[in-house]
Amino acid sequence: MTDTNPPRRRSLRKRLMWAFTMLTTFAVIAQAVALFAANEEQEEDLIDEVVNTALDGVTTQHANQPEQALARHLSLYHAPIGTPPAGMPAPLLKLPAGNHEWITGDTEYHVGIRDHGGERFYLLYDSREHEERLAYLLWALVIGAVIVSLFSLWLGYWISGALIRQLEQLAAGLAGDDQHLLTAPHQDREVALLATALDDYRIRNAALIAREREFTANVSHELRTPLTGIRTSAELLAGGITDGNRAQRIVLAVDELERRLKGLLFLARGNTEADIKAVALHALAERLAEHYREGCSARGVALENQVPPDALVQADPALLSLLLDNLLRNAVSYTTAGRISVRFEDGWLTVCDTGVGIPRDKLAQVFDRHFRISNLPDGMGLGLSIAREITQRCGWPCELHSELGVGTEVRIQLPS
């Protein structure tokens, strides 16, 4: 089983911050564009009004005062209709009477043309000052939008932090070992709903764990008493009958059942320390293999104990027995011909069989609880799952190699 890196998750705080910033920036830009457009339109209308007012004054007073003083940004040309005024730009001659805009180079002119008393009057308004004011306004709006965006970025970060802080406190409360309630009076309604749901879940989970602990304790207590009675009776029986081997088998079976119960309780309780001691691995493998030899012989399968007689490992006897028994049972269940061997070399305990093997696409699933690769009636899909849990709890490296139709090999490194 290989560990995979956890997925990289996006920050909710940053997402809220950027959403707030983008909405604020969009609103500011929209208002700036509207303000600039409205200002430009109003100034254009104002200039046209200035041109029309000036033309009214010029045409009214022209008979009495042909040459009139005008503002510096105004230029007046006039001549009899059909005659081009002297010095006036030629493109203006094509324009009809009315108000127009004329652009030459970088300068925009507002042009008012009017016929009066047999003459045509051309009044030009130089709008460079107007364009400079618009350019200044545009830069002011751009700089203001940037400043507001940066401020909204900081404000969004601060506001999102205030919103997320309650969730962070909730997560910190869950990470702690104390069982205090997560619900608090200062929480927002949505956070309080989540905290209440988590509190209810923790209460139910704590009750479930308590019931499981009570169950394992009760099982341990209730099974130890009859097992002790069976063992005592078998020992007494062994001294009073001719066939002492039969009674001795009962004693050994009870001992093995007690070891198995101890191993299962260790896995169930979670925080129990393993009872590490020197274990004679050959004797353990021989004792466990003896349980399966009769069934293997009936099917023509050789079950071999190739562990060196002097092999010693440092392990919890109950856990090691439970581990090896599950590996042997799994090998026996899936081997109908050939051989099963138990070896110990260079610190590695190996259980090898010539069984059906495991498909390559199923190798990652064989350690899952209740996973089975066949429909054997007596299989529950728990053997390899229990074996993996033992190796993980004890810190023993575990390897599995298998080929479909060839067999399976499970290797476990044990401390010597």
Protein backbone atom coordinates (compact mmCIF):
# COMPACT_ATOMS: atom_id res chain seq x y z
CA MET A 1 0.00 0.00 0.00
CA THR A 2 1.54 3.30 -1.07
CA ASP A 3 0.82 6.64 0.52
CA THR A 4 -0.50 9.35 -1.79
CA ASN A 5 0.10 13.05 -1.30
CA PRO A 6 -2.98 14.90 -0.06
CA PRO A 7 -4.64 17.08 -2.68
CA ARG A 8 -3.70 20.75 -2.68
CA ARG A 9 -6.76 22.60 -1.46
CA ARG A 10 -7.67 26.19 -2.25
CA SER A 11 -7.99 28.66 0.59
CA LEU A 12 -11.57 29.69 1.33
CA ARG A 13 -10.25 32.90 2.86
CA LYS A 14 -8.44 33.85 -0.34
CA ARG A 15 -11.45 32.97 -2.46
CA LEU A 16 -13.65 35.26 -0.35
CA MET A 17 -10.99 37.97 -0.44
CA TRP A 18 -10.67 37.87 -4.23
CA ALA A 19 -14.44 37.74 -4.71
CA PHE A 20 -14.88 40.84 -2.53
CA THR A 21 -12.02 42.62 -4.32
CA MET A 22 -13.31 41.79 -7.80
CA LEU A 23 -16.86 42.90 -7.00
CA THR A 24 -15.61 46.15 -5.45
CA THR A 25 -13.23 46.83 -8.34
CA PHE A 26 -15.96 46.13 -10.88
CA ALA A 27 -18.33 48.52 -9.11
CA VAL A 28 -15.65 51.25 -8.90
CA ILE A 29 -14.69 50.87 -12.58
CA ALA A 30 -18.35 50.94 -13.64
CA GLN A 31 -18.93 54.13 -11.66
CA ALA A 32 -15.71 55.69 -13.01
CA VAL A 33 -16.69 54.93 -16.62
CA ALA A 34 -20.18 56.32 -16.05
CA LEU A 35 -18.76 59.46 -14.40
CA PHE A 36 -16.24 60.02 -17.20
CA ALA A 37 -18.84 59.52 -19.94
CA ALA A 38 -21.36 61.81 -18.22
CA ASN A 39 -18.71 64.50 -17.67
CA GLU A 40 -17.57 64.34 -21.28
CA GLU A 41 -21.14 64.54 -22.59
CA GLN A 42 -21.99 67.48 -20.34
CA GLU A 43 -18.87 69.38 -21.41
CA GLU A 44 -19.61 68.71 -25.07
CA ASP A 45 -23.13 70.10 -24.62
CA LEU A 46 -21.74 73.07 -22.70
CA ILE A 47 -19.24 73.86 -25.46
CA ASP A 48 -21.97 73.69 -28.11
CA GLU A 49 -24.03 76.07 -26.00
CA VAL A 50 -21.06 78.46 -25.69
CA VAL A 51 -20.55 78.35 -29.48
CA ASN A 52 -24.24 79.02 -30.18
CA THR A 53 -24.35 81.90 -27.68
CA ALA A 54 -21.22 83.45 -29.18
CA LEU A 55 -22.65 83.12 -32.69
CA ASP A 56 -25.86 84.84 -31.56
CA GLY A 57 -23.82 87.78 -30.26
CA VAL A 58 -21.60 87.96 -33.35
CA THR A 59 -24.43 87.90 -35.90
CA THR A 60 -26.53 90.41 -33.94
CA GLN A 61 -23.74 92.97 -33.53
CA HIS A 62 -21.92 92.37 -36.85
CA ALA A 63 -23.69 95.23 -38.67
CA ASN A 64 -22.68 97.77 -36.02
CA GLN A 65 -19.34 96.21 -35.00
CA PRO A 66 -17.80 94.09 -37.79
CA GLU A 67 -14.67 93.29 -35.82
CA GLN A 68 -15.45 91.97 -32.33
CA ALA A 69 -13.12 90.89 -29.54
CA LEU A 70 -13.47 87.16 -28.78
CA ALA A 71 -12.08 84.84 -26.13
CA ARG A 72 -8.67 83.34 -26.89
CA HIS A 73 -10.07 79.88 -27.59
CA LEU A 74 -12.59 81.23 -30.14
CA SER A 75 -11.84 81.96 -33.81
CA LEU A 76 -14.30 83.72 -36.18
CA TYR A 77 -14.39 83.58 -39.96
CA HIS A 78 -17.08 85.15 -42.18
CA ALA A 79 -17.66 86.00 -45.80
CA PRO A 80 -20.56 86.38 -48.21
CA ILE A 81 -22.37 83.12 -48.82
CA GLY A 82 -20.57 81.19 -51.56
CA THR A 83 -17.27 82.96 -50.96
CA PRO A 84 -14.59 81.20 -48.85
CA PRO A 85 -13.47 83.27 -45.86
CA ALA A 86 -9.83 84.29 -45.96
CA GLY A 87 -7.49 82.10 -43.88
CA MET A 88 -10.12 79.52 -42.90
CA PRO A 89 -9.16 75.82 -43.19
CA ALA A 90 -10.49 74.39 -46.44
CA PRO A 91 -12.21 71.26 -44.91
CA LEU A 92 -14.70 73.53 -43.13
CA LEU A 93 -16.07 74.83 -46.44
CA LYS A 94 -17.82 71.51 -47.07
CA LEU A 95 -19.76 71.61 -43.79
CA PRO A 96 -23.41 72.77 -43.83
CA ALA A 97 -24.89 75.25 -41.36
CA GLY A 98 -25.15 73.88 -37.81
CA ASN A 99 -22.86 72.52 -35.10
CA HIS A 100 -19.98 70.19 -35.95
CA GLU A 101 -16.79 68.67 -34.53
CA TRP A 102 -13.58 68.94 -36.53
CA ILE A 103 -10.33 67.23 -35.60
CA THR A 104 -7.01 68.28 -37.06
CA GLY A 105 -3.85 66.69 -35.71
CA ASP A 106 -4.22 66.33 -31.93
CA THR A 107 -6.67 69.22 -31.62
CA GLU A 108 -10.45 68.98 -31.63
CA TYR A 109 -12.56 72.00 -32.62
CA HIS A 110 -16.26 72.57 -32.09
CA VAL A 111 -17.50 74.46 -35.14
CA GLY A 112 -20.66 76.56 -35.32
CA ILE A 113 -21.84 77.62 -38.81
CA ARG A 114 -24.67 80.10 -39.33
CA ASP A 115 -26.01 82.18 -42.24
CA HIS A 116 -27.12 85.74 -41.43
CA GLY A 117 -27.65 88.85 -43.57
CA GLY A 118 -26.23 87.24 -46.73
CA GLU A 119 -23.06 86.13 -44.98
CA ARG A 120 -21.91 82.82 -43.56
CA PHE A 121 -20.25 82.89 -40.14
CA TYR A 122 -17.82 80.18 -38.94
CA LEU A 123 -17.00 80.12 -35.20
CA LEU A 124 -14.30 77.64 -34.04
CA TYR A 125 -13.91 76.62 -30.40
CA ASP A 126 -10.47 75.20 -29.49
CA SER A 127 -11.23 72.37 -27.01
CA ARG A 128 -7.64 71.57 -25.97
CA GLU A 129 -8.24 72.81 -22.43
CA HIS A 130 -11.38 70.68 -22.32
CA GLU A 131 -9.44 67.61 -23.50
CA GLU A 132 -6.71 68.26 -20.93
CA ARG A 133 -9.32 68.40 -18.18
CA LEU A 134 -10.80 65.10 -19.41
CA ALA A 135 -7.33 63.50 -19.50
CA TYR A 136 -6.65 64.70 -15.96
CA LEU A 137 -10.03 63.34 -14.86
CA LEU A 138 -9.28 59.99 -16.55
CA TRP A 139 -5.93 59.64 -14.77
CA ALA A 140 -7.52 60.63 -11.48
CA LEU A 141 -10.22 57.97 -11.97
CA VAL A 142 -7.64 55.28 -12.90
CA ILE A 143 -5.42 56.06 -9.90
CA GLY A 144 -8.47 56.22 -7.65
CA ALA A 145 -9.69 52.85 -8.95
CA VAL A 146 -6.27 51.28 -8.28
CA ILE A 147 -6.17 52.72 -4.75
CA VAL A 148 -9.72 51.56 -4.03
CA SER A 149 -8.90 48.09 -5.43
CA LEU A 150 -5.84 47.77 -3.19
CA PHE A 151 -7.84 48.97 -0.21
CA SER A 152 -10.64 46.52 -1.03
CA LEU A 153 -8.02 43.75 -1.28
CA TRP A 154 -6.81 44.51 2.24
CA LEU A 155 -10.38 44.98 3.50
CA GLY A 156 -11.48 41.72 1.84
CA TYR A 157 -8.59 39.87 3.47
CA TRP A 158 -9.52 41.30 6.86
CA ILE A 159 -13.25 40.61 6.48
CA SER A 160 -12.67 37.07 5.17
CA GLY A 161 -10.33 36.45 8.10
CA ALA A 162 -13.05 37.52 10.50
CA LEU A 163 -15.50 35.17 8.78
CA ILE A 164 -13.10 32.21 8.60
CA ARG A 165 -11.75 32.68 12.12
CA GLN A 166 -14.78 30.94 13.62
CA LEU A 167 -14.25 27.95 11.31
CA GLU A 168 -10.57 27.83 12.27
CA GLN A 169 -11.55 27.85 15.95
CA LEU A 170 -14.00 25.05 15.19
CA ALA A 171 -11.27 23.02 13.46
CA ALA A 172 -8.88 23.63 16.37
CA GLY A 173 -11.55 22.43 18.79
CA LEU A 174 -12.01 19.25 16.76
CA ALA A 175 -8.27 18.61 16.60
CA GLY A 176 -7.93 18.75 20.39
CA ASP A 177 -8.42 15.74 22.61
CA ASP A 178 -10.76 17.49 25.00
CA GLN A 179 -14.46 16.80 24.58
CA HIS A 180 -15.82 20.28 25.32
CA LEU A 181 -18.78 21.48 23.26
CA LEU A 182 -17.92 23.33 20.06
CA THR A 183 -21.05 25.49 20.11
CA ALA A 184 -20.42 28.99 21.51
CA PRO A 185 -22.71 32.03 22.03
CA HIS A 186 -20.63 34.37 19.81
CA GLN A 187 -20.82 32.15 16.71
CA ASP A 188 -22.72 33.17 13.60
CA ARG A 189 -25.88 31.20 12.88
CA GLU A 190 -24.39 29.10 10.07
CA VAL A 191 -21.26 28.29 12.09
CA ALA A 192 -23.40 27.49 15.12
CA LEU A 193 -25.45 25.02 13.03
CA LEU A 194 -22.24 23.30 11.93
CA ALA A 195 -20.88 23.28 15.50
CA THR A 196 -24.13 21.79 16.81
CA ALA A 197 -24.05 19.04 14.17
CA LEU A 198 -20.42 18.26 15.03
CA ASP A 199 -21.23 18.19 18.75
CA ASP A 200 -24.06 15.73 18.11
CA TYR A 201 -21.74 13.58 15.99
CA ARG A 202 -18.99 13.60 18.64
CA ILE A 203 -21.48 12.63 21.34
CA ARG A 204 -22.81 9.73 19.25
CA ASN A 205 -19.28 8.68 18.30
CA ALA A 206 -18.10 8.81 21.92
CA ALA A 207 -21.07 6.67 22.97
CA LEU A 208 -20.31 4.19 20.19
CA ILE A 209 -16.64 3.96 21.19
CA ALA A 210 -17.65 3.48 24.83
CA ARG A 211 -19.98 0.65 23.85
CA GLU A 212 -17.24 -0.98 21.76
CA ARG A 213 -14.79 -0.75 24.66
CA GLU A 214 -17.37 -2.22 27.00
CA PHE A 215 -18.01 -5.01 24.50
CA THR A 216 -14.33 -5.91 24.14
CA ALA A 217 -13.90 -5.83 27.91
CA ASN A 218 -16.97 -8.01 28.38
CA VAL A 219 -15.80 -10.45 25.70
CA SER A 220 -12.39 -10.66 27.33
CA HIS A 221 -13.92 -11.28 30.75
CA GLU A 222 -16.61 -13.71 29.66
CA LEU A 223 -14.35 -15.82 27.41
CA ARG A 224 -11.38 -16.05 29.75
CA THR A 225 -13.39 -17.81 32.45
CA PRO A 226 -14.71 -20.73 30.33
CA LEU A 227 -11.35 -21.02 28.53
CA THR A 228 -9.60 -21.33 31.87
CA GLY A 229 -12.11 -23.98 32.90
CA ILE A 230 -11.62 -25.95 29.69
CA ARG A 231 -7.85 -25.78 30.06
CA THR A 232 -7.95 -26.95 33.68
CA SER A 233 -10.32 -29.81 32.84
CA ALA A 234 -8.13 -30.87 29.91
CA GLU A 235 -5.02 -30.90 32.12
CA LEU A 236 -6.82 -33.05 34.69
CA LEU A 237 -8.13 -35.27 31.92
CA ALA A 238 -4.65 -35.74 30.48
CA GLY A 239 -3.49 -37.43 33.68
CA GLY A 240 -6.35 -39.89 33.86
CA ILE A 241 -6.62 -41.32 30.35
CA THR A 242 -4.36 -43.44 28.21
CA ASP A 243 -4.37 -41.16 25.18
CA GLY A 244 -2.84 -38.02 26.64
CA ASN A 245 -2.22 -36.52 23.18
CA ARG A 246 -5.92 -35.88 22.70
CA ALA A 247 -6.18 -33.92 25.94
CA GLN A 248 -2.91 -32.14 25.16
CA ARG A 249 -4.42 -30.98 21.87
CA ILE A 250 -7.29 -29.45 23.81
CA VAL A 251 -4.83 -27.61 26.06
CA LEU A 252 -2.86 -26.31 23.06
CA ALA A 253 -6.06 -25.25 21.29
CA VAL A 254 -7.17 -23.30 24.35
CA ASP A 255 -3.73 -21.66 24.60
CA GLU A 256 -3.90 -20.68 20.94
CA LEU A 257 -7.41 -19.32 21.37
CA GLU A 258 -6.27 -17.22 24.31
CA ARG A 259 -3.37 -15.83 22.28
CA ARG A 260 -5.71 -15.04 19.41
CA LEU A 261 -8.14 -13.31 21.74
CA LYS A 262 -5.29 -11.27 23.21
CA GLY A 263 -4.17 -10.20 19.73
CA LEU A 264 -7.67 -9.18 18.68
CA LEU A 265 -8.16 -7.19 21.88
CA PHE A 266 -4.86 -5.41 21.20
CA LEU A 267 -6.11 -4.35 17.78
CA ALA A 268 -9.51 -3.32 19.13
CA ARG A 269 -8.27 -1.17 22.02
CA GLY A 270 -5.84 0.85 19.93
CA ASN A 271 -3.75 2.35 22.73
CA THR A 272 -2.44 -0.88 24.29
CA GLU A 273 1.31 -1.51 24.44
CA ALA A 274 2.55 -4.66 22.72
CA ASP A 275 4.15 -7.33 24.93
CA ILE A 276 7.52 -7.64 23.16
CA LYS A 277 9.65 -10.67 23.94
CA ALA A 278 11.87 -13.22 22.20
CA VAL A 279 9.80 -15.65 20.11
CA ALA A 280 11.07 -18.96 18.74
CA LEU A 281 9.81 -18.57 15.19
CA HIS A 282 10.33 -22.19 14.08
CA ALA A 283 8.25 -23.58 16.95
CA LEU A 284 5.50 -21.01 16.36
CA ALA A 285 5.36 -21.77 12.63
CA GLU A 286 5.32 -25.52 13.31
CA ARG A 287 2.49 -25.24 15.83
CA LEU A 288 0.35 -23.17 13.47
CA ALA A 289 1.17 -25.27 10.40
CA GLU A 290 0.09 -28.41 12.27
CA HIS A 291 -3.49 -27.12 12.27
CA TYR A 292 -3.61 -27.14 8.46
CA ARG A 293 -1.43 -30.13 7.51
CA GLU A 294 -4.20 -32.72 7.58
CA GLY A 295 -6.41 -30.67 5.25
CA CYS A 296 -3.49 -29.87 2.95
CA SER A 297 -2.46 -33.54 2.73
CA ALA A 298 -6.00 -34.50 1.75
CA ARG A 299 -5.74 -32.13 -1.24
CA GLY A 300 -2.19 -33.10 -2.14
CA VAL A 301 -0.67 -29.81 -0.99
CA ALA A 302 2.68 -29.91 0.81
CA LEU A 303 2.89 -27.55 3.79
CA GLU A 304 6.57 -26.98 4.66
CA ASN A 305 8.12 -25.21 7.63
CA GLN A 306 11.52 -24.02 6.38
CA VAL A 307 12.19 -21.62 9.25
CA PRO A 308 15.63 -22.29 10.83
CA PRO A 309 15.26 -24.04 14.22
CA ASP A 310 17.30 -21.34 15.99
CA ALA A 311 15.43 -18.36 14.51
CA LEU A 312 14.47 -15.83 17.20
CA VAL A 313 12.56 -12.57 16.70
CA GLN A 314 11.51 -9.77 19.04
CA ALA A 315 7.72 -9.51 18.85
CA ASP A 316 4.47 -9.86 20.74
CA PRO A 317 3.77 -13.63 20.62
CA ALA A 318 0.02 -13.14 20.41
CA LEU A 319 0.25 -10.67 17.53
CA LEU A 320 2.86 -12.66 15.62
CA SER A 321 0.79 -15.83 16.05
CA LEU A 322 -2.34 -14.07 14.82
CA LEU A 323 -0.45 -12.62 11.86
CA LEU A 324 1.17 -15.87 10.73
CA ASP A 325 -2.05 -17.85 11.24
CA ASN A 326 -3.98 -15.48 8.98
CA LEU A 327 -1.29 -15.68 6.30
CA LEU A 328 -1.28 -19.49 6.46
CA ARG A 329 -5.07 -19.69 6.39
CA ASN A 330 -5.17 -17.41 3.36
CA ALA A 331 -2.52 -19.49 1.56
CA VAL A 332 -4.32 -22.77 2.36
CA SER A 333 -7.67 -21.37 1.19
CA TYR A 334 -6.37 -20.43 -2.26
CA THR A 335 -3.97 -23.34 -2.92
CA THR A 336 -5.45 -26.52 -4.38
CA ALA A 337 -2.21 -28.09 -5.60
CA GLY A 338 1.52 -27.68 -5.19
CA ARG A 339 3.06 -26.43 -1.97
CA ILE A 340 2.96 -23.84 0.78
CA SER A 341 6.17 -22.86 2.54
CA VAL A 342 7.12 -20.71 5.50
CA ARG A 343 10.66 -19.29 5.42
CA PHE A 344 12.78 -16.86 7.44
CA GLU A 345 15.85 -15.32 5.83
CA ASP A 346 17.73 -12.09 6.56
CA GLY A 347 15.06 -10.90 8.96
CA TRP A 348 12.18 -11.47 6.51
CA LEU A 349 9.36 -13.91 7.27
CA THR A 350 7.94 -15.26 4.00
CA VAL A 351 4.76 -17.23 3.35
CA CYS A 352 4.78 -18.52 -0.23
CA ASP A 353 2.16 -20.60 -2.05
CA THR A 354 1.48 -21.97 -5.53
CA GLY A 355 -2.19 -21.03 -5.43
CA VAL A 356 -4.45 -19.21 -7.84
CA GLY A 357 -2.61 -15.90 -7.52
CA ILE A 358 -4.03 -12.40 -7.57
CA PRO A 359 -4.85 -10.35 -10.69
CA ARG A 360 -2.57 -7.34 -11.12
CA ASP A 361 -5.48 -4.90 -10.98
CA LYS A 362 -6.63 -6.35 -7.64
CA LEU A 363 -3.31 -6.18 -5.76
CA ALA A 364 -4.09 -2.78 -4.24
CA GLN A 365 -7.42 -4.06 -2.86
CA VAL A 366 -6.51 -7.38 -1.26
CA PHE A 367 -5.78 -5.71 2.10
CA ASP A 368 -9.22 -4.06 2.23
CA ARG A 369 -11.74 -5.49 4.67
CA HIS A 370 -14.20 -8.00 3.18
CA PHE A 371 -12.47 -7.95 -0.21
CA ARG A 372 -12.36 -11.40 -1.82
CA ILE A 373 -11.01 -12.57 -5.16
CA SER A 374 -13.07 -15.78 -5.19
CA ASN A 375 -16.39 -17.11 -3.96
CA LEU A 376 -15.06 -19.53 -1.36
CA PRO A 377 -17.93 -20.32 1.04
CA ASP A 378 -15.78 -20.08 4.19
CA GLY A 379 -13.98 -16.85 3.31
CA MET A 380 -14.87 -13.48 4.83
CA GLY A 381 -12.16 -11.30 3.29
CA LEU A 382 -10.68 -10.37 6.68
CA GLY A 383 -7.43 -12.37 6.91
CA LEU A 384 -5.14 -10.06 4.96
CA SER A 385 -6.88 -7.01 6.42
CA ILE A 386 -6.05 -8.21 9.95
CA ALA A 387 -2.49 -9.02 8.85
CA ARG A 388 -2.01 -5.52 7.45
CA GLU A 389 -3.40 -3.92 10.61
CA ILE A 390 -0.94 -5.90 12.75
CA THR A 391 2.06 -4.94 10.59
CA GLN A 392 1.05 -1.28 10.62
CA ARG A 393 0.52 -1.19 14.38
CA CYS A 394 3.85 -2.92 15.02
CA GLY A 395 5.80 -1.03 12.35
CA TRP A 396 6.78 -4.15 10.40
CA PRO A 397 7.41 -3.55 6.66
CA CYS A 398 5.17 -5.75 4.52
CA GLU A 399 5.49 -6.73 0.85
CA LEU A 400 3.13 -8.70 -1.37
CA HIS A 401 4.04 -10.25 -4.72
CA SER A 402 1.60 -12.30 -6.76
CA GLU A 403 1.08 -13.57 -10.29
CA LEU A 404 -2.21 -14.91 -11.55
CA GLY A 405 -2.05 -18.68 -11.96
CA VAL A 406 1.43 -18.91 -10.41
CA GLY A 407 1.05 -18.08 -6.73
CA THR A 408 1.46 -15.47 -4.02
CA GLU A 409 4.31 -14.46 -1.72
CA VAL A 410 3.90 -12.29 1.38
CA ARG A 411 7.06 -10.99 3.09
CA ILE A 412 7.23 -9.30 6.50
CA GLN A 413 10.37 -7.87 8.09
CA LEU A 414 10.62 -8.76 11.79
CA PRO A 415 13.02 -7.33 14.37
CA SER A 416 15.56 -9.94 15.45
